[in-house]
């Protein structure tokens, strides 16, 4: 969507949700990246307790953040597609 603020309240709310989805995906996938990088670092070096803790927490928190972001992202895309198919946009 464009950076301009839509005058329709539904489109404005959809744009706000879409921006939150982008942030959620960045955080979630970023935490997954931290977990993967740290896992392989630990695999080829000495595995320490704090590494296991960070890996587990990165996966858990990343999943908690990423799951709703993916679901809401599909919802926004579906709403945009439906509006285009019915000539509302």
PDB file of N, CA and C in Angstrom:
ATOM      1  N   UNK A   1       0.837  -1.164   0.000  1.00  0.00           N
ATOM      2  CA  UNK A   1       0.000   0.000   0.000  1.00  0.00           C
ATOM      3  C   UNK A   1       0.887   1.234   0.000  1.00  0.00           C
ATOM      4  N   UNK A   2       0.330   2.375  -0.336  1.00  0.00           N
ATOM      5  CA  UNK A   2       1.108   3.599  -0.396  1.00  0.00           C
ATOM      6  C   UNK A   2       1.316   4.169   1.000  1.00  0.00           C
ATOM      7  N   UNK A   3       2.213   5.157   1.088  1.00  0.00           N
ATOM      8  CA  UNK A   3       2.507   5.783   2.372  1.00  0.00           C
ATOM      9  C   UNK A   3       1.469   6.832   2.754  1.00  0.00           C
ATOM     10  N   UNK A   4       0.622   7.237   1.817  1.00  0.00           N
ATOM     11  CA  UNK A   4      -0.406   8.226   2.113  1.00  0.00           C
ATOM     12  C   UNK A   4      -1.458   7.623   3.044  1.00  0.00           C
ATOM     13  N   UNK A   5      -1.976   8.446   3.941  1.00  0.00           N
ATOM     14  CA  UNK A   5      -2.992   7.982   4.882  1.00  0.00           C
ATOM     15  C   UNK A   5      -4.330   7.932   4.158  1.00  0.00           C
ATOM     16  N   UNK A   6      -4.972   6.756   4.093  1.00  0.00           N
ATOM     17  CA  UNK A   6      -6.262   6.654   3.415  1.00  0.00           C
ATOM     18  C   UNK A   6      -7.355   7.380   4.202  1.00  0.00           C
ATOM     19  N   UNK A   7      -8.330   7.937   3.469  1.00  0.00           N
ATOM     20  CA  UNK A   7      -9.428   8.638   4.139  1.00  0.00           C
ATOM     21  C   UNK A   7     -10.477   7.660   4.663  1.00  0.00           C
ATOM     22  N   UNK A   8     -10.572   6.496   4.063  1.00  0.00           N
ATOM     23  CA  UNK A   8     -11.508   5.469   4.513  1.00  0.00           C
ATOM     24  C   UNK A   8     -10.966   4.831   5.793  1.00  0.00           C
ATOM     25  N   UNK A   9     -11.772   4.772   6.864  1.00  0.00           N
ATOM     26  CA  UNK A   9     -11.268   4.202   8.121  1.00  0.00           C
ATOM     27  C   UNK A   9     -10.885   2.723   8.008  1.00  0.00           C
ATOM     28  N   UNK A  10     -11.567   1.984   7.155  1.00  0.00           N
ATOM     29  CA  UNK A  10     -11.228   0.568   6.971  1.00  0.00           C
ATOM     30  C   UNK A  10      -9.857   0.440   6.312  1.00  0.00           C
ATOM     31  N   UNK A  11      -9.608   1.252   5.298  1.00  0.00           N
ATOM     32  CA  UNK A  11      -8.308   1.217   4.630  1.00  0.00           C
ATOM     33  C   UNK A  11      -7.197   1.705   5.558  1.00  0.00           C
ATOM     34  N   UNK A  12      -7.517   2.686   6.401  1.00  0.00           N
ATOM     35  CA  UNK A  12      -6.524   3.177   7.364  1.00  0.00           C
ATOM     36  C   UNK A  12      -6.163   2.090   8.367  1.00  0.00           C
ATOM     37  N   UNK A  13      -7.169   1.377   8.855  1.00  0.00           N
ATOM     38  CA  UNK A  13      -6.909   0.297   9.807  1.00  0.00           C
ATOM     39  C   UNK A  13      -6.136  -0.829   9.135  1.00  0.00           C
ATOM     40  N   UNK A  14      -6.473  -1.129   7.899  1.00  0.00           N
ATOM     41  CA  UNK A  14      -5.770  -2.173   7.152  1.00  0.00           C
ATOM     42  C   UNK A  14      -4.304  -1.789   6.948  1.00  0.00           C
ATOM     43  N   UNK A  15      -4.053  -0.517   6.659  1.00  0.00           N
ATOM     44  CA  UNK A  15      -2.674  -0.054   6.485  1.00  0.00           C
ATOM     45  C   UNK A  15      -1.899  -0.157   7.792  1.00  0.00           C
ATOM     46  N   UNK A  16      -2.560   0.158   8.896  1.00  0.00           N
ATOM     47  CA  UNK A  16      -1.908   0.049  10.215  1.00  0.00           C
ATOM     48  C   UNK A  16      -1.580  -1.417  10.522  1.00  0.00           C
ATOM     49  N   UNK A  17      -2.509  -2.310  10.252  1.00  0.00           N
ATOM     50  CA  UNK A  17      -2.266  -3.739  10.486  1.00  0.00           C
ATOM     51  C   UNK A  17      -1.136  -4.231   9.587  1.00  0.00           C
ATOM     52  N   UNK A  18      -1.116  -3.768   8.351  1.00  0.00           N
ATOM     53  CA  UNK A  18      -0.063  -4.187   7.424  1.00  0.00           C
ATOM     54  C   UNK A  18       1.315  -3.738   7.907  1.00  0.00           C
ATOM     55  N   UNK A  19       1.397  -2.538   8.467  1.00  0.00           N
ATOM     56  CA  UNK A  19       2.690  -2.082   8.987  1.00  0.00           C
ATOM     57  C   UNK A  19       3.104  -2.892  10.213  1.00  0.00           C
ATOM     58  N   UNK A  20       2.142  -3.255  11.064  1.00  0.00           N
ATOM     59  CA  UNK A  20       2.457  -4.098  12.220  1.00  0.00           C
ATOM     60  C   UNK A  20       2.877  -5.501  11.784  1.00  0.00           C
ATOM     61  N   UNK A  21       2.272  -5.994  10.717  1.00  0.00           N
ATOM     62  CA  UNK A  21       2.644  -7.305  10.176  1.00  0.00           C
ATOM     63  C   UNK A  21       4.096  -7.286   9.708  1.00  0.00           C
ATOM     64  N   UNK A  22       4.490  -6.226   9.020  1.00  0.00           N
ATOM     65  CA  UNK A  22       5.874  -6.125   8.547  1.00  0.00           C
ATOM     66  C   UNK A  22       6.854  -6.117   9.714  1.00  0.00           C
ATOM     67  N   UNK A  23       6.531  -5.367  10.758  1.00  0.00           N
ATOM     68  CA  UNK A  23       7.401  -5.320  11.937  1.00  0.00           C
ATOM     69  C   UNK A  23       7.458  -6.691  12.604  1.00  0.00           C
ATOM     70  N   UNK A  24       6.308  -7.340  12.745  1.00  0.00           N
ATOM     71  CA  UNK A  24       6.261  -8.660  13.363  1.00  0.00           C
ATOM     72  C   UNK A  24       7.066  -9.691  12.594  1.00  0.00           C
ATOM     73  N   UNK A  25       6.986  -9.638  11.276  1.00  0.00           N
ATOM     74  CA  UNK A  25       7.756 -10.583  10.458  1.00  0.00           C
ATOM     75  C   UNK A  25       9.250 -10.319  10.578  1.00  0.00           C
ATOM     76  N   UNK A  26       9.634  -9.055  10.600  1.00  0.00           N
ATOM     77  CA  UNK A  26      11.059  -8.740  10.755  1.00  0.00           C
ATOM     78  C   UNK A  26      11.590  -9.240  12.089  1.00  0.00           C
ATOM     79  N   UNK A  27      10.829  -9.016  13.145  1.00  0.00           N
ATOM     80  CA  UNK A  27      11.259  -9.460  14.474  1.00  0.00           C
ATOM     81  C   UNK A  27      11.290 -10.984  14.537  1.00  0.00           C
ATOM     82  N   UNK A  28      10.221 -11.630  14.086  1.00  0.00           N
ATOM     83  CA  UNK A  28      10.135 -13.088  14.152  1.00  0.00           C
ATOM     84  C   UNK A  28      11.216 -13.777  13.351  1.00  0.00           C
ATOM     85  N   UNK A  29      11.377 -13.378  12.091  1.00  0.00           N
ATOM     86  CA  UNK A  29      12.411 -13.997  11.262  1.00  0.00           C
ATOM     87  C   UNK A  29      13.806 -13.623  11.759  1.00  0.00           C
ATOM     88  N   UNK A  30      13.950 -12.423  12.313  1.00  0.00           N
ATOM     89  CA  UNK A  30      15.237 -12.027  12.888  1.00  0.00           C
ATOM     90  C   UNK A  30      15.628 -12.910  14.062  1.00  0.00           C
ATOM     91  N   UNK A  31      14.652 -13.223  14.906  1.00  0.00           N
ATOM     92  CA  UNK A  31      14.929 -14.113  16.034  1.00  0.00           C
ATOM     93  C   UNK A  31      15.249 -15.528  15.560  1.00  0.00           C
ATOM     94  N   UNK A  32      14.583 -15.982  14.508  1.00  0.00           N
ATOM     95  CA  UNK A  32      14.931 -17.286  13.929  1.00  0.00           C
ATOM     96  C   UNK A  32      16.370 -17.268  13.407  1.00  0.00           C
ATOM     97  N   UNK A  33      16.747 -16.168  12.778  1.00  0.00           N
ATOM     98  CA  UNK A  33      18.108 -16.041  12.267  1.00  0.00           C
ATOM     99  C   UNK A  33      19.125 -16.095  13.410  1.00  0.00           C
ATOM    100  N   UNK A  34      18.827 -15.416  14.501  1.00  0.00           N
ATOM    101  CA  UNK A  34      19.706 -15.465  15.673  1.00  0.00           C
ATOM    102  C   UNK A  34      19.858 -16.904  16.148  1.00  0.00           C
ATOM    103  N   UNK A  35      18.749 -17.623  16.220  1.00  0.00           N
ATOM    104  CA  UNK A  35      18.792 -19.009  16.687  1.00  0.00           C
ATOM    105  C   UNK A  35      19.619 -19.892  15.757  1.00  0.00           C
ATOM    106  N   UNK A  36      19.449 -19.745  14.460  1.00  0.00           N
ATOM    107  CA  UNK A  36      20.174 -20.581  13.500  1.00  0.00           C
ATOM    108  C   UNK A  36      21.669 -20.264  13.523  1.00  0.00           C
ATOM    109  N   UNK A  37      22.004 -18.982  13.505  1.00  0.00           N
ATOM    110  CA  UNK A  37      23.418 -18.595  13.512  1.00  0.00           C
ATOM    111  C   UNK A  37      24.090 -19.069  14.792  1.00  0.00           C
ATOM    112  N   UNK A  38      23.444 -18.850  15.921  1.00  0.00           N
ATOM    113  CA  UNK A  38      24.026 -19.274  17.192  1.00  0.00           C
ATOM    114  C   UNK A  38      24.116 -20.800  17.282  1.00  0.00           C
ATOM    115  N   UNK A  39      23.135 -21.501  16.720  1.00  0.00           N
ATOM    116  CA  UNK A  39      23.181 -22.963  16.713  1.00  0.00           C
ATOM    117  C   UNK A  39      24.407 -23.468  15.957  1.00  0.00           C
ATOM    118  N   UNK A  40      24.626 -22.937  14.758  1.00  0.00           N
ATOM    119  CA  UNK A  40      25.772 -23.400  13.978  1.00  0.00           C
ATOM    120  C   UNK A  40      27.094 -22.946  14.591  1.00  0.00           C
ATOM    121  N   UNK A  41      27.100 -21.777  15.213  1.00  0.00           N
ATOM    122  CA  UNK A  41      28.300 -21.346  15.930  1.00  0.00           C
ATOM    123  C   UNK A  41      28.596 -22.318  17.071  1.00  0.00           C
ATOM    124  N   UNK A  42      27.570 -22.680  17.812  1.00  0.00           N
ATOM    125  CA  UNK A  42      27.741 -23.617  18.928  1.00  0.00           C
ATOM    126  C   UNK A  42      28.105 -25.011  18.428  1.00  0.00           C
ATOM    127  N   UNK A  43      27.604 -25.372  17.263  1.00  0.00           N
ATOM    128  CA  UNK A  43      27.896 -26.687  16.704  1.00  0.00           C
ATOM    129  C   UNK A  43      29.382 -26.853  16.379  1.00  0.00           C
ATOM    130  N   UNK A  44      29.989 -25.787  15.883  1.00  0.00           N
ATOM    131  CA  UNK A  44      31.390 -25.862  15.470  1.00  0.00           C
ATOM    132  C   UNK A  44      32.363 -25.358  16.533  1.00  0.00           C
ATOM    133  N   UNK A  45      31.851 -24.850  17.625  1.00  0.00           N
ATOM    134  CA  UNK A  45      32.698 -24.438  18.748  1.00  0.00           C
ATOM    135  C   UNK A  45      32.216 -25.172  19.988  1.00  0.00           C
ATOM    136  N   UNK A  46      32.515 -24.621  21.124  1.00  0.00           N
ATOM    137  CA  UNK A  46      32.093 -25.233  22.382  1.00  0.00           C
ATOM    138  C   UNK A  46      30.670 -24.787  22.728  1.00  0.00           C
ATOM    139  N   UNK A  47      29.787 -25.735  22.952  1.00  0.00           N
ATOM    140  CA  UNK A  47      28.400 -25.445  23.318  1.00  0.00           C
ATOM    141  C   UNK A  47      28.339 -25.039  24.784  1.00  0.00           C
ATOM    142  N   UNK A  48      27.746 -23.890  25.028  1.00  0.00           N
ATOM    143  CA  UNK A  48      27.625 -23.393  26.399  1.00  0.00           C
ATOM    144  C   UNK A  48      26.150 -23.297  26.764  1.00  0.00           C
ATOM    145  N   UNK A  49      25.884 -23.303  28.056  1.00  0.00           N
ATOM    146  CA  UNK A  49      24.500 -23.262  28.535  1.00  0.00           C
ATOM    147  C   UNK A  49      23.762 -22.012  28.067  1.00  0.00           C
ATOM    148  N   UNK A  50      24.417 -20.869  28.086  1.00  0.00           N
ATOM    149  CA  UNK A  50      23.746 -19.637  27.693  1.00  0.00           C
ATOM    150  C   UNK A  50      23.355 -19.673  26.217  1.00  0.00           C
ATOM    151  N   UNK A  51      24.132 -20.379  25.394  1.00  0.00           N
ATOM    152  CA  UNK A  51      23.797 -20.489  23.973  1.00  0.00           C
ATOM    153  C   UNK A  51      22.503 -21.272  23.784  1.00  0.00           C
ATOM    154  N   UNK A  52      22.367 -22.348  24.530  1.00  0.00           N
ATOM    155  CA  UNK A  52      21.144 -23.150  24.451  1.00  0.00           C
ATOM    156  C   UNK A  52      19.948 -22.316  24.887  1.00  0.00           C
ATOM    157  N   UNK A  53      20.119 -21.546  25.948  1.00  0.00           N
ATOM    158  CA  UNK A  53      19.037 -20.692  26.440  1.00  0.00           C
ATOM    159  C   UNK A  53      18.634 -19.656  25.395  1.00  0.00           C
ATOM    160  N   UNK A  54      19.616 -19.004  24.787  1.00  0.00           N
ATOM    161  CA  UNK A  54      19.318 -17.989  23.766  1.00  0.00           C
ATOM    162  C   UNK A  54      18.659 -18.626  22.546  1.00  0.00           C
ATOM    163  N   UNK A  55      19.127 -19.784  22.132  1.00  0.00           N
ATOM    164  CA  UNK A  55      18.538 -20.468  20.975  1.00  0.00           C
ATOM    165  C   UNK A  55      17.077 -20.817  21.245  1.00  0.00           C
ATOM    166  N   UNK A  56      16.814 -21.397  22.404  1.00  0.00           N
ATOM    167  CA  UNK A  56      15.435 -21.792  22.737  1.00  0.00           C
ATOM    168  C   UNK A  56      14.532 -20.573  22.831  1.00  0.00           C
ATOM    169  N   UNK A  57      14.980 -19.543  23.538  1.00  0.00           N
ATOM    170  CA  UNK A  57      14.148 -18.347  23.685  1.00  0.00           C
ATOM    171  C   UNK A  57      13.933 -17.643  22.350  1.00  0.00           C
ATOM    172  N   UNK A  58      14.944 -17.644  21.489  1.00  0.00           N
ATOM    173  CA  UNK A  58      14.779 -17.031  20.171  1.00  0.00           C
ATOM    174  C   UNK A  58      13.720 -17.759  19.352  1.00  0.00           C
ATOM    175  N   UNK A  59      13.728 -19.072  19.415  1.00  0.00           N
ATOM    176  CA  UNK A  59      12.729 -19.846  18.673  1.00  0.00           C
ATOM    177  C   UNK A  59      11.335 -19.641  19.263  1.00  0.00           C
ATOM    178  N   UNK A  60      11.224 -19.671  20.581  1.00  0.00           N
ATOM    179  CA  UNK A  60       9.913 -19.527  21.228  1.00  0.00           C
ATOM    180  C   UNK A  60       9.333 -18.137  20.985  1.00  0.00           C
ATOM    181  N   UNK A  61      10.115 -17.102  21.268  1.00  0.00           N
ATOM    182  CA  UNK A  61       9.609 -15.736  21.092  1.00  0.00           C
ATOM    183  C   UNK A  61       9.393 -15.442  19.609  1.00  0.00           C
ATOM    184  N   UNK A  62      10.286 -15.925  18.756  1.00  0.00           N
ATOM    185  CA  UNK A  62      10.102 -15.740  17.319  1.00  0.00           C
ATOM    186  C   UNK A  62       8.815 -16.371  16.822  1.00  0.00           C
ATOM    187  N   UNK A  63       8.483 -17.540  17.336  1.00  0.00           N
ATOM    188  CA  UNK A  63       7.233 -18.206  16.948  1.00  0.00           C
ATOM    189  C   UNK A  63       6.017 -17.448  17.449  1.00  0.00           C
ATOM    190  N   UNK A  64       6.094 -16.954  18.676  1.00  0.00           N
ATOM    191  CA  UNK A  64       4.970 -16.207  19.249  1.00  0.00           C
ATOM    192  C   UNK A  64       4.712 -14.926  18.468  1.00  0.00           C
ATOM    193  N   UNK A  65       5.768 -14.272  18.022  1.00  0.00           N
ATOM    194  CA  UNK A  65       5.619 -13.026  17.267  1.00  0.00           C
ATOM    195  C   UNK A  65       5.248 -13.305  15.812  1.00  0.00           C
ATOM    196  N   UNK A  66       5.857 -14.320  15.230  1.00  0.00           N
ATOM    197  CA  UNK A  66       5.692 -14.567  13.799  1.00  0.00           C
ATOM    198  C   UNK A  66       4.338 -15.173  13.435  1.00  0.00           C
ATOM    199  N   UNK A  67       3.798 -16.035  14.263  1.00  0.00           N
ATOM    200  CA  UNK A  67       2.535 -16.710  13.925  1.00  0.00           C
ATOM    201  C   UNK A  67       1.394 -15.725  13.662  1.00  0.00           C
ATOM    202  N   UNK A  68       1.104 -14.795  14.572  1.00  0.00           N
ATOM    203  CA  UNK A  68       0.022 -13.853  14.261  1.00  0.00           C
ATOM    204  C   UNK A  68       0.367 -12.921  13.103  1.00  0.00           C
ATOM    205  N   UNK A  69       1.645 -12.589  12.940  1.00  0.00           N
ATOM    206  CA  UNK A  69       2.028 -11.721  11.829  1.00  0.00           C
ATOM    207  C   UNK A  69       1.732 -12.392  10.493  1.00  0.00           C
ATOM    208  N   UNK A  70       1.999 -13.669  10.391  1.00  0.00           N
ATOM    209  CA  UNK A  70       1.715 -14.397   9.152  1.00  0.00           C
ATOM    210  C   UNK A  70       0.211 -14.476   8.907  1.00  0.00           C
ATOM    211  N   UNK A  71      -0.552 -14.793   9.941  1.00  0.00           N
ATOM    212  CA  UNK A  71      -2.008 -14.921   9.798  1.00  0.00           C
ATOM    213  C   UNK A  71      -2.628 -13.583   9.404  1.00  0.00           C
ATOM    214  N   UNK A  72      -2.264 -12.513  10.108  1.00  0.00           N
ATOM    215  CA  UNK A  72      -2.814 -11.199   9.775  1.00  0.00           C
ATOM    216  C   UNK A  72      -2.330 -10.719   8.413  1.00  0.00           C
ATOM    217  N   UNK A  73      -1.118 -11.101   8.025  1.00  0.00           N
ATOM    218  CA  UNK A  73      -0.622 -10.747   6.699  1.00  0.00           C
ATOM    219  C   UNK A  73      -1.459 -11.372   5.597  1.00  0.00           C
ATOM    220  N   UNK A  74      -1.803 -12.653   5.769  1.00  0.00           N
ATOM    221  CA  UNK A  74      -2.692 -13.299   4.799  1.00  0.00           C
ATOM    222  C   UNK A  74      -4.066 -12.637   4.792  1.00  0.00           C
ATOM    223  N   UNK A  75      -4.543 -12.230   5.953  1.00  0.00           N
ATOM    224  CA  UNK A  75      -5.841 -11.556   6.027  1.00  0.00           C
ATOM    225  C   UNK A  75      -5.849 -10.246   5.268  1.00  0.00           C
ATOM    226  N   UNK A  76      -4.800  -9.454   5.424  1.00  0.00           N
ATOM    227  CA  UNK A  76      -4.709  -8.171   4.719  1.00  0.00           C
ATOM    228  C   UNK A  76      -4.616  -8.401   3.217  1.00  0.00           C
ATOM    229  N   UNK A  77      -3.781  -9.350   2.796  1.00  0.00           N
ATOM    230  CA  UNK A  77      -3.657  -9.639   1.364  1.00  0.00           C
ATOM    231  C   UNK A  77      -4.983 -10.120   0.780  1.00  0.00           C
ATOM    232  N   UNK A  78      -5.692 -10.944   1.535  1.00  0.00           N
ATOM    233  CA  UNK A  78      -6.985 -11.445   1.074  1.00  0.00           C
ATOM    234  C   UNK A  78      -8.001 -10.317   0.960  1.00  0.00           C
ATOM    235  N   UNK A  79      -8.002  -9.408   1.920  1.00  0.00           N
ATOM    236  CA  UNK A  79      -8.941  -8.281   1.876  1.00  0.00           C
ATOM    237  C   UNK A  79      -8.644  -7.367   0.694  1.00  0.00           C
ATOM    238  N   UNK A  80      -7.381  -7.126   0.427  1.00  0.00           N
ATOM    239  CA  UNK A  80      -7.007  -6.291  -0.719  1.00  0.00           C
ATOM    240  C   UNK A  80      -7.425  -6.966  -2.021  1.00  0.00           C
ATOM    241  N   UNK A  81      -7.170  -8.264  -2.127  1.00  0.00           N
ATOM    242  CA  UNK A  81      -7.554  -9.005  -3.334  1.00  0.00           C
ATOM    243  C   UNK A  81      -9.070  -8.989  -3.521  1.00  0.00           C
ATOM    244  N   UNK A  82      -9.818  -9.174  -2.428  1.00  0.00           N
ATOM    245  CA  UNK A  82     -11.276  -9.165  -2.508  1.00  0.00           C
ATOM    246  C   UNK A  82     -11.791  -7.793  -2.937  1.00  0.00           C
ATOM    247  N   UNK A  83     -11.193  -6.734  -2.410  1.00  0.00           N
ATOM    248  CA  UNK A  83     -11.606  -5.389  -2.812  1.00  0.00           C
ATOM    249  C   UNK A  83     -11.341  -5.146  -4.293  1.00  0.00           C
ATOM    250  N   UNK A  84     -10.216  -5.612  -4.787  1.00  0.00           N
ATOM    251  CA  UNK A  84      -9.897  -5.423  -6.210  1.00  0.00           C
ATOM    252  C   UNK A  84     -10.836  -6.232  -7.101  1.00  0.00           C
ATOM    253  N   UNK A  85     -11.156  -7.457  -6.684  1.00  0.00           N
ATOM    254  CA  UNK A  85     -12.048  -8.301  -7.485  1.00  0.00           C
ATOM    255  C   UNK A  85     -13.453  -7.722  -7.568  1.00  0.00           C
ATOM    256  N   UNK A  86     -13.890  -7.045  -6.525  1.00  0.00           N
ATOM    257  CA  UNK A  86     -15.239  -6.485  -6.498  1.00  0.00           C
ATOM    258  C   UNK A  86     -15.269  -4.997  -6.834  1.00  0.00           C
ATOM    259  N   UNK A  87     -14.155  -4.462  -7.324  1.00  0.00           N
ATOM    260  CA  UNK A  87     -14.113  -3.083  -7.793  1.00  0.00           C
ATOM    261  C   UNK A  87     -14.196  -2.037  -6.701  1.00  0.00           C
ATOM    262  N   UNK A  88     -13.817  -2.378  -5.494  1.00  0.00           N
ATOM    263  CA  UNK A  88     -13.883  -1.401  -4.403  1.00  0.00           C
ATOM    264  C   UNK A  88     -12.601  -0.591  -4.279  1.00  0.00           C
ATOM    265  N   UNK A  89     -11.558  -1.012  -4.963  1.00  0.00           N
ATOM    266  CA  UNK A  89     -10.293  -0.255  -4.936  1.00  0.00           C
ATOM    267  C   UNK A  89      -9.934   0.215  -6.312  1.00  0.00           C
TER     268      UNK A  89
END
